[in-house]
Amino acid sequence: MPRPRSLTPDQLASAALAVIDRDGLPGLSMRAVAQELGMSTMGLYRYVHDRDELERLVVELVLNAVDSGPPDPDASWRERIEVMARRLRDTVGAHPAVVPLTITHRHHSLGVLRWSETVTAVLTEAGIEGDRRVIALRGLLGYIIGAIQLEHLGPLSGPGTTAITELPPAEFPHMTETARDARNISADQEFLGGLALLLDGLGA
């Protein structure tokens, strides 16, 4: 007779998330999560089959925390999309190492499906339907996920930008000037500015 389960999926996901936050995504393993939970690796296999299942639990835990409720109906469609974009950025950005997992496992997450349902409803009200709605939703998701990675893994004020400012100006005049300008742009300014360009392109 099997032993009764004593750990919930959220507890397993929280332990896996703690490992990722501390050691990065490469540090995630069945052994590391088992140690985080104070149990044997074989004992963890009573709950999940492999690392892939752990990844799905982590994604669900993080994305379920995203507020997917409809924004203020009196706001413009652009303002409502901005609210939804901020919600996803703020929640996932708290655990930037998880971002690659959201790309791989987003289709299994009820959290991202609920967020996407709210966003597509706003797009539909704005007259964006059919193929344009598909492209708009994927464009928004791609932008937000990419922006989170750039913000946390390659910020504008980071060493990469500094290195670009030191390139030969005669050979890279535009890149060196852009890198110098980048030092004065905040993460919020960069994110919202890029989002505005994307929404301008939708032209609803």
C-alpha atoms as a PDB file:
ATOM      1  CA  MET A   1       0.000   0.000   0.000  1.00  0.00           C
ATOM      2  CA  PRO A   2       1.522   3.376  -1.011  1.00  0.00           C
ATOM      3  CA  ARG A   3       2.527   5.787   1.718  1.00  0.00           C
ATOM      4  CA  PRO A   4       0.273   8.849   2.010  1.00  0.00           C
ATOM      5  CA  ARG A   5       1.562  12.007   0.392  1.00  0.00           C
ATOM      6  CA  SER A   6       2.502  14.761   2.766  1.00  0.00           C
ATOM      7  CA  LEU A   7       3.741  17.476   0.406  1.00  0.00           C
ATOM      8  CA  THR A   8       1.542  19.645  -1.809  1.00  0.00           C
ATOM      9  CA  PRO A   9       2.472  20.748  -5.344  1.00  0.00           C
ATOM     10  CA  ASP A  10       2.906  24.312  -4.069  1.00  0.00           C
ATOM     11  CA  GLN A  11       5.374  23.134  -1.417  1.00  0.00           C
ATOM     12  CA  LEU A  12       7.369  21.240  -4.022  1.00  0.00           C
ATOM     13  CA  ALA A  13       7.313  24.246  -6.352  1.00  0.00           C
ATOM     14  CA  SER A  14       8.348  26.619  -3.559  1.00  0.00           C
ATOM     15  CA  ALA A  15      11.344  24.438  -2.730  1.00  0.00           C
ATOM     16  CA  ALA A  16      12.358  24.254  -6.392  1.00  0.00           C
ATOM     17  CA  LEU A  17      11.927  28.024  -6.750  1.00  0.00           C
ATOM     18  CA  ALA A  18      14.121  28.600  -3.705  1.00  0.00           C
ATOM     19  CA  VAL A  19      16.852  26.529  -5.356  1.00  0.00           C
ATOM     20  CA  ILE A  20      16.547  28.496  -8.610  1.00  0.00           C
ATOM     21  CA  ASP A  21      16.552  31.874  -6.847  1.00  0.00           C
ATOM     22  CA  ARG A  22      19.666  30.882  -4.892  1.00  0.00           C
ATOM     23  CA  ASP A  23      21.658  28.816  -7.390  1.00  0.00           C
ATOM     24  CA  GLY A  24      20.230  29.793 -10.769  1.00  0.00           C
ATOM     25  CA  LEU A  25      18.455  27.560 -13.240  1.00  0.00           C
ATOM     26  CA  PRO A  26      21.482  25.246 -13.752  1.00  0.00           C
ATOM     27  CA  GLY A  27      21.319  24.456 -10.032  1.00  0.00           C
ATOM     28  CA  LEU A  28      17.856  22.927 -10.287  1.00  0.00           C
ATOM     29  CA  SER A  29      17.967  19.162  -9.852  1.00  0.00           C
ATOM     30  CA  MET A  30      15.992  16.476  -8.092  1.00  0.00           C
ATOM     31  CA  ARG A  31      18.815  16.144  -5.555  1.00  0.00           C
ATOM     32  CA  ALA A  32      18.953  19.886  -4.820  1.00  0.00           C
ATOM     33  CA  VAL A  33      15.198  20.129  -4.311  1.00  0.00           C
ATOM     34  CA  ALA A  34      15.198  17.038  -2.107  1.00  0.00           C
ATOM     35  CA  GLN A  35      17.898  18.628   0.064  1.00  0.00           C
ATOM     36  CA  GLU A  36      15.860  21.841   0.219  1.00  0.00           C
ATOM     37  CA  LEU A  37      12.919  19.803   1.514  1.00  0.00           C
ATOM     38  CA  GLY A  38      15.069  17.783   3.936  1.00  0.00           C
ATOM     39  CA  MET A  39      14.337  14.464   2.296  1.00  0.00           C
ATOM     40  CA  SER A  40      16.096  11.856   0.167  1.00  0.00           C
ATOM     41  CA  THR A  41      16.243  12.150  -3.596  1.00  0.00           C
ATOM     42  CA  MET A  42      14.373   8.855  -3.937  1.00  0.00           C
ATOM     43  CA  GLY A  43      11.716  10.200  -1.601  1.00  0.00           C
ATOM     44  CA  LEU A  44      11.136  13.143  -3.950  1.00  0.00           C
ATOM     45  CA  TYR A  45      10.329  10.716  -6.759  1.00  0.00           C
ATOM     46  CA  ARG A  46       7.170   9.815  -4.834  1.00  0.00           C
ATOM     47  CA  TYR A  47       5.849  13.234  -5.838  1.00  0.00           C
ATOM     48  CA  VAL A  48       7.346  14.100  -9.230  1.00  0.00           C
ATOM     49  CA  HIS A  49       8.747  12.026 -12.062  1.00  0.00           C
ATOM     50  CA  ASP A  50      11.649  14.238 -13.092  1.00  0.00           C
ATOM     51  CA  ARG A  51      13.090  17.734 -13.343  1.00  0.00           C
ATOM     52  CA  ASP A  52      10.720  18.602 -16.194  1.00  0.00           C
ATOM     53  CA  GLU A  53       7.757  18.133 -13.879  1.00  0.00           C
ATOM     54  CA  LEU A  54       9.453  20.304 -11.259  1.00  0.00           C
ATOM     55  CA  GLU A  55       9.906  23.021 -13.875  1.00  0.00           C
ATOM     56  CA  ARG A  56       6.207  22.963 -14.728  1.00  0.00           C
ATOM     57  CA  LEU A  57       5.304  23.262 -11.046  1.00  0.00           C
ATOM     58  CA  VAL A  58       7.614  26.260 -10.658  1.00  0.00           C
ATOM     59  CA  VAL A  59       6.170  28.011 -13.702  1.00  0.00           C
ATOM     60  CA  GLU A  60       2.657  27.429 -12.453  1.00  0.00           C
ATOM     61  CA  LEU A  61       3.536  28.769  -9.003  1.00  0.00           C
ATOM     62  CA  VAL A  62       5.100  31.950 -10.393  1.00  0.00           C
ATOM     63  CA  LEU A  63       2.539  32.652 -13.095  1.00  0.00           C
ATOM     64  CA  ASN A  64      -0.412  31.903 -10.835  1.00  0.00           C
ATOM     65  CA  ALA A  65       0.696  34.902  -8.801  1.00  0.00           C
ATOM     66  CA  VAL A  66       0.113  37.213 -11.784  1.00  0.00           C
ATOM     67  CA  ASP A  67      -3.048  39.272 -11.351  1.00  0.00           C
ATOM     68  CA  SER A  68      -5.145  38.367 -14.396  1.00  0.00           C
ATOM     69  CA  GLY A  69      -8.239  40.287 -13.395  1.00  0.00           C
ATOM     70  CA  PRO A  70      -9.622  42.835 -15.885  1.00  0.00           C
ATOM     71  CA  PRO A  71      -8.094  46.314 -15.464  1.00  0.00           C
ATOM     72  CA  ASP A  72     -10.234  49.443 -15.021  1.00  0.00           C
ATOM     73  CA  PRO A  73     -12.840  49.261 -17.828  1.00  0.00           C
ATOM     74  CA  ASP A  74     -12.902  53.055 -18.026  1.00  0.00           C
ATOM     75  CA  ALA A  75      -9.218  53.159 -18.993  1.00  0.00           C
ATOM     76  CA  SER A  76      -8.185  53.182 -22.651  1.00  0.00           C
ATOM     77  CA  TRP A  77      -7.229  49.906 -24.288  1.00  0.00           C
ATOM     78  CA  ARG A  78      -3.567  50.976 -24.288  1.00  0.00           C
ATOM     79  CA  GLU A  79      -3.655  51.791 -20.577  1.00  0.00           C
ATOM     80  CA  ARG A  80      -5.228  48.407 -19.833  1.00  0.00           C
ATOM     81  CA  ILE A  81      -2.593  46.573 -21.879  1.00  0.00           C
ATOM     82  CA  GLU A  82       0.096  48.510 -20.016  1.00  0.00           C
ATOM     83  CA  VAL A  83      -1.408  47.428 -16.690  1.00  0.00           C
ATOM     84  CA  MET A  84      -1.369  43.786 -17.781  1.00  0.00           C
ATOM     85  CA  ALA A  85       2.204  44.074 -19.079  1.00  0.00           C
ATOM     86  CA  ARG A  86       3.366  45.607 -15.791  1.00  0.00           C
ATOM     87  CA  ARG A  87       1.695  42.832 -13.808  1.00  0.00           C
ATOM     88  CA  LEU A  88       3.489  40.109 -15.748  1.00  0.00           C
ATOM     89  CA  ARG A  89       6.807  41.952 -15.677  1.00  0.00           C
ATOM     90  CA  ASP A  90       6.670  42.641 -11.936  1.00  0.00           C
ATOM     91  CA  THR A  91       5.678  39.092 -10.964  1.00  0.00           C
ATOM     92  CA  VAL A  92       8.044  37.179 -13.221  1.00  0.00           C
ATOM     93  CA  GLY A  93      10.791  39.777 -12.771  1.00  0.00           C
ATOM     94  CA  ALA A  94      10.931  38.887  -9.085  1.00  0.00           C
ATOM     95  CA  HIS A  95      12.368  35.515 -10.208  1.00  0.00           C
ATOM     96  CA  PRO A  96      14.325  36.341 -13.400  1.00  0.00           C
ATOM     97  CA  ALA A  97      16.089  32.963 -13.546  1.00  0.00           C
ATOM     98  CA  VAL A  98      12.676  31.377 -14.148  1.00  0.00           C
ATOM     99  CA  VAL A  99      12.087  33.337 -17.373  1.00  0.00           C
ATOM    100  CA  PRO A 100      13.460  30.605 -19.707  1.00  0.00           C
ATOM    101  CA  LEU A 101      11.068  28.120 -18.097  1.00  0.00           C
ATOM    102  CA  THR A 102       8.081  30.371 -18.778  1.00  0.00           C
ATOM    103  CA  ILE A 103       8.920  30.203 -22.473  1.00  0.00           C
ATOM    104  CA  THR A 104       9.114  26.407 -22.461  1.00  0.00           C
ATOM    105  CA  HIS A 105       6.141  25.652 -20.214  1.00  0.00           C
ATOM    106  CA  ARG A 106       3.793  28.621 -20.707  1.00  0.00           C
ATOM    107  CA  HIS A 107       1.215  26.539 -22.588  1.00  0.00           C
ATOM    108  CA  HIS A 108       0.745  24.330 -19.515  1.00  0.00           C
ATOM    109  CA  SER A 109       0.201  27.254 -17.149  1.00  0.00           C
ATOM    110  CA  LEU A 110      -3.305  28.299 -16.184  1.00  0.00           C
ATOM    111  CA  GLY A 111      -1.785  31.516 -14.872  1.00  0.00           C
ATOM    112  CA  VAL A 112      -0.473  32.659 -18.262  1.00  0.00           C
ATOM    113  CA  LEU A 113      -3.626  31.402 -19.988  1.00  0.00           C
ATOM    114  CA  ARG A 114      -5.767  33.560 -17.706  1.00  0.00           C
ATOM    115  CA  TRP A 115      -3.466  36.551 -18.291  1.00  0.00           C
ATOM    116  CA  SER A 116      -3.626  35.960 -22.034  1.00  0.00           C
ATOM    117  CA  GLU A 117      -7.422  35.670 -21.942  1.00  0.00           C
ATOM    118  CA  THR A 118      -7.685  39.093 -20.309  1.00  0.00           C
ATOM    119  CA  VAL A 119      -5.232  40.621 -22.783  1.00  0.00           C
ATOM    120  CA  THR A 120      -7.000  39.148 -25.821  1.00  0.00           C
ATOM    121  CA  ALA A 121     -10.313  40.480 -24.505  1.00  0.00           C
ATOM    122  CA  VAL A 122      -8.824  43.986 -24.385  1.00  0.00           C
ATOM    123  CA  LEU A 123      -7.367  43.579 -27.869  1.00  0.00           C
ATOM    124  CA  THR A 124     -10.722  42.389 -29.194  1.00  0.00           C
ATOM    125  CA  GLU A 125     -12.500  45.413 -27.720  1.00  0.00           C
ATOM    126  CA  ALA A 126      -9.909  47.585 -29.462  1.00  0.00           C
ATOM    127  CA  GLY A 127     -10.824  46.026 -32.807  1.00  0.00           C
ATOM    128  CA  ILE A 128      -7.742  43.807 -33.070  1.00  0.00           C
ATOM    129  CA  GLU A 129      -8.957  40.389 -34.188  1.00  0.00           C
ATOM    130  CA  GLY A 130      -8.019  37.379 -36.288  1.00  0.00           C
ATOM    131  CA  ASP A 131      -4.401  37.151 -37.436  1.00  0.00           C
ATOM    132  CA  ARG A 132      -3.584  40.581 -36.006  1.00  0.00           C
ATOM    133  CA  ARG A 133      -4.729  39.469 -32.561  1.00  0.00           C
ATOM    134  CA  VAL A 134      -2.527  36.362 -32.722  1.00  0.00           C
ATOM    135  CA  ILE A 135       0.487  38.438 -33.711  1.00  0.00           C
ATOM    136  CA  ALA A 136      -0.324  41.121 -31.122  1.00  0.00           C
ATOM    137  CA  LEU A 137      -0.553  38.609 -28.255  1.00  0.00           C
ATOM    138  CA  ARG A 138       2.636  36.812 -29.236  1.00  0.00           C
ATOM    139  CA  GLY A 139       4.378  40.124 -29.792  1.00  0.00           C
ATOM    140  CA  LEU A 140       3.406  41.327 -26.332  1.00  0.00           C
ATOM    141  CA  LEU A 141       4.514  38.092 -24.670  1.00  0.00           C
ATOM    142  CA  GLY A 142       7.772  38.075 -26.602  1.00  0.00           C
ATOM    143  CA  TYR A 143       8.485  41.688 -25.733  1.00  0.00           C
ATOM    144  CA  ILE A 144       7.715  41.324 -22.020  1.00  0.00           C
ATOM    145  CA  ILE A 145       9.733  38.123 -21.606  1.00  0.00           C
ATOM    146  CA  GLY A 146      12.649  39.578 -23.557  1.00  0.00           C
ATOM    147  CA  ALA A 147      12.498  42.844 -21.615  1.00  0.00           C
ATOM    148  CA  ILE A 148      12.651  40.966 -18.303  1.00  0.00           C
ATOM    149  CA  GLN A 149      15.743  39.081 -19.458  1.00  0.00           C
ATOM    150  CA  LEU A 150      17.458  42.250 -20.654  1.00  0.00           C
ATOM    151  CA  GLU A 151      16.596  44.122 -17.475  1.00  0.00           C
ATOM    152  CA  HIS A 152      18.037  41.478 -15.159  1.00  0.00           C
ATOM    153  CA  LEU A 153      20.685  39.769 -17.281  1.00  0.00           C
ATOM    154  CA  GLY A 154      21.943  42.606 -19.475  1.00  0.00           C
ATOM    155  CA  PRO A 155      20.867  45.973 -18.040  1.00  0.00           C
ATOM    156  CA  LEU A 156      21.523  49.206 -19.898  1.00  0.00           C
ATOM    157  CA  SER A 157      23.912  50.379 -17.204  1.00  0.00           C
ATOM    158  CA  GLY A 158      25.810  47.091 -17.027  1.00  0.00           C
ATOM    159  CA  PRO A 159      29.390  46.231 -18.023  1.00  0.00           C
ATOM    160  CA  GLY A 160      28.317  45.337 -21.560  1.00  0.00           C
ATOM    161  CA  THR A 161      27.082  48.862 -22.154  1.00  0.00           C
ATOM    162  CA  THR A 162      30.246  50.300 -20.659  1.00  0.00           C
ATOM    163  CA  ALA A 163      32.326  48.153 -23.003  1.00  0.00           C
ATOM    164  CA  ILE A 164      30.388  49.491 -25.998  1.00  0.00           C
ATOM    165  CA  THR A 165      31.133  53.089 -25.010  1.00  0.00           C
ATOM    166  CA  GLU A 166      34.818  52.220 -25.235  1.00  0.00           C
ATOM    167  CA  LEU A 167      34.649  50.960 -28.823  1.00  0.00           C
ATOM    168  CA  PRO A 168      36.405  53.019 -31.513  1.00  0.00           C
ATOM    169  CA  PRO A 169      33.950  55.871 -32.315  1.00  0.00           C
ATOM    170  CA  ALA A 170      35.168  56.051 -35.910  1.00  0.00           C
ATOM    171  CA  GLU A 171      34.096  52.450 -36.491  1.00  0.00           C
ATOM    172  CA  PHE A 172      30.977  52.370 -34.271  1.00  0.00           C
ATOM    173  CA  PRO A 173      29.742  55.990 -34.090  1.00  0.00           C
ATOM    174  CA  HIS A 174      26.088  55.186 -33.541  1.00  0.00           C
ATOM    175  CA  MET A 175      26.594  52.337 -31.076  1.00  0.00           C
ATOM    176  CA  THR A 176      29.009  54.293 -28.861  1.00  0.00           C
ATOM    177  CA  GLU A 177      26.657  57.278 -28.775  1.00  0.00           C
ATOM    178  CA  THR A 178      23.659  55.038 -28.048  1.00  0.00           C
ATOM    179  CA  ALA A 179      25.541  53.307 -25.229  1.00  0.00           C
ATOM    180  CA  ARG A 180      26.350  56.663 -23.639  1.00  0.00           C
ATOM    181  CA  ASP A 181      22.696  57.708 -23.850  1.00  0.00           C
ATOM    182  CA  ALA A 182      21.630  54.374 -22.355  1.00  0.00           C
ATOM    183  CA  ARG A 183      23.222  55.274 -19.031  1.00  0.00           C
ATOM    184  CA  ASN A 184      20.510  57.884 -18.442  1.00  0.00           C
ATOM    185  CA  ILE A 185      17.555  55.570 -19.107  1.00  0.00           C
ATOM    186  CA  SER A 186      15.888  53.794 -16.187  1.00  0.00           C
ATOM    187  CA  ALA A 187      14.552  50.246 -16.382  1.00  0.00           C
ATOM    188  CA  ASP A 188      10.970  51.523 -16.200  1.00  0.00           C
ATOM    189  CA  GLN A 189      11.606  54.082 -18.922  1.00  0.00           C
ATOM    190  CA  GLU A 190      13.106  51.443 -21.174  1.00  0.00           C
ATOM    191  CA  PHE A 191      10.288  48.957 -20.581  1.00  0.00           C
ATOM    192  CA  LEU A 192       7.423  51.402 -21.007  1.00  0.00           C
ATOM    193  CA  GLY A 193       9.079  53.110 -23.969  1.00  0.00           C
ATOM    194  CA  GLY A 194       9.477  49.833 -25.817  1.00  0.00           C
ATOM    195  CA  LEU A 195       5.915  48.842 -24.961  1.00  0.00           C
ATOM    196  CA  ALA A 196       4.633  52.163 -26.314  1.00  0.00           C
ATOM    197  CA  LEU A 197       6.425  51.538 -29.625  1.00  0.00           C
ATOM    198  CA  LEU A 198       4.822  48.111 -29.848  1.00  0.00           C
ATOM    199  CA  LEU A 199       1.343  49.466 -29.092  1.00  0.00           C
ATOM    200  CA  ASP A 200       1.857  52.267 -31.620  1.00  0.00           C
ATOM    201  CA  GLY A 201       2.476  49.594 -34.206  1.00  0.00           C
ATOM    202  CA  LEU A 202      -0.842  47.887 -33.446  1.00  0.00           C
ATOM    203  CA  GLY A 203      -2.638  51.090 -34.456  1.00  0.00           C
ATOM    204  CA  ALA A 204      -5.989  50.029 -33.062  1.00  0.00           C
END
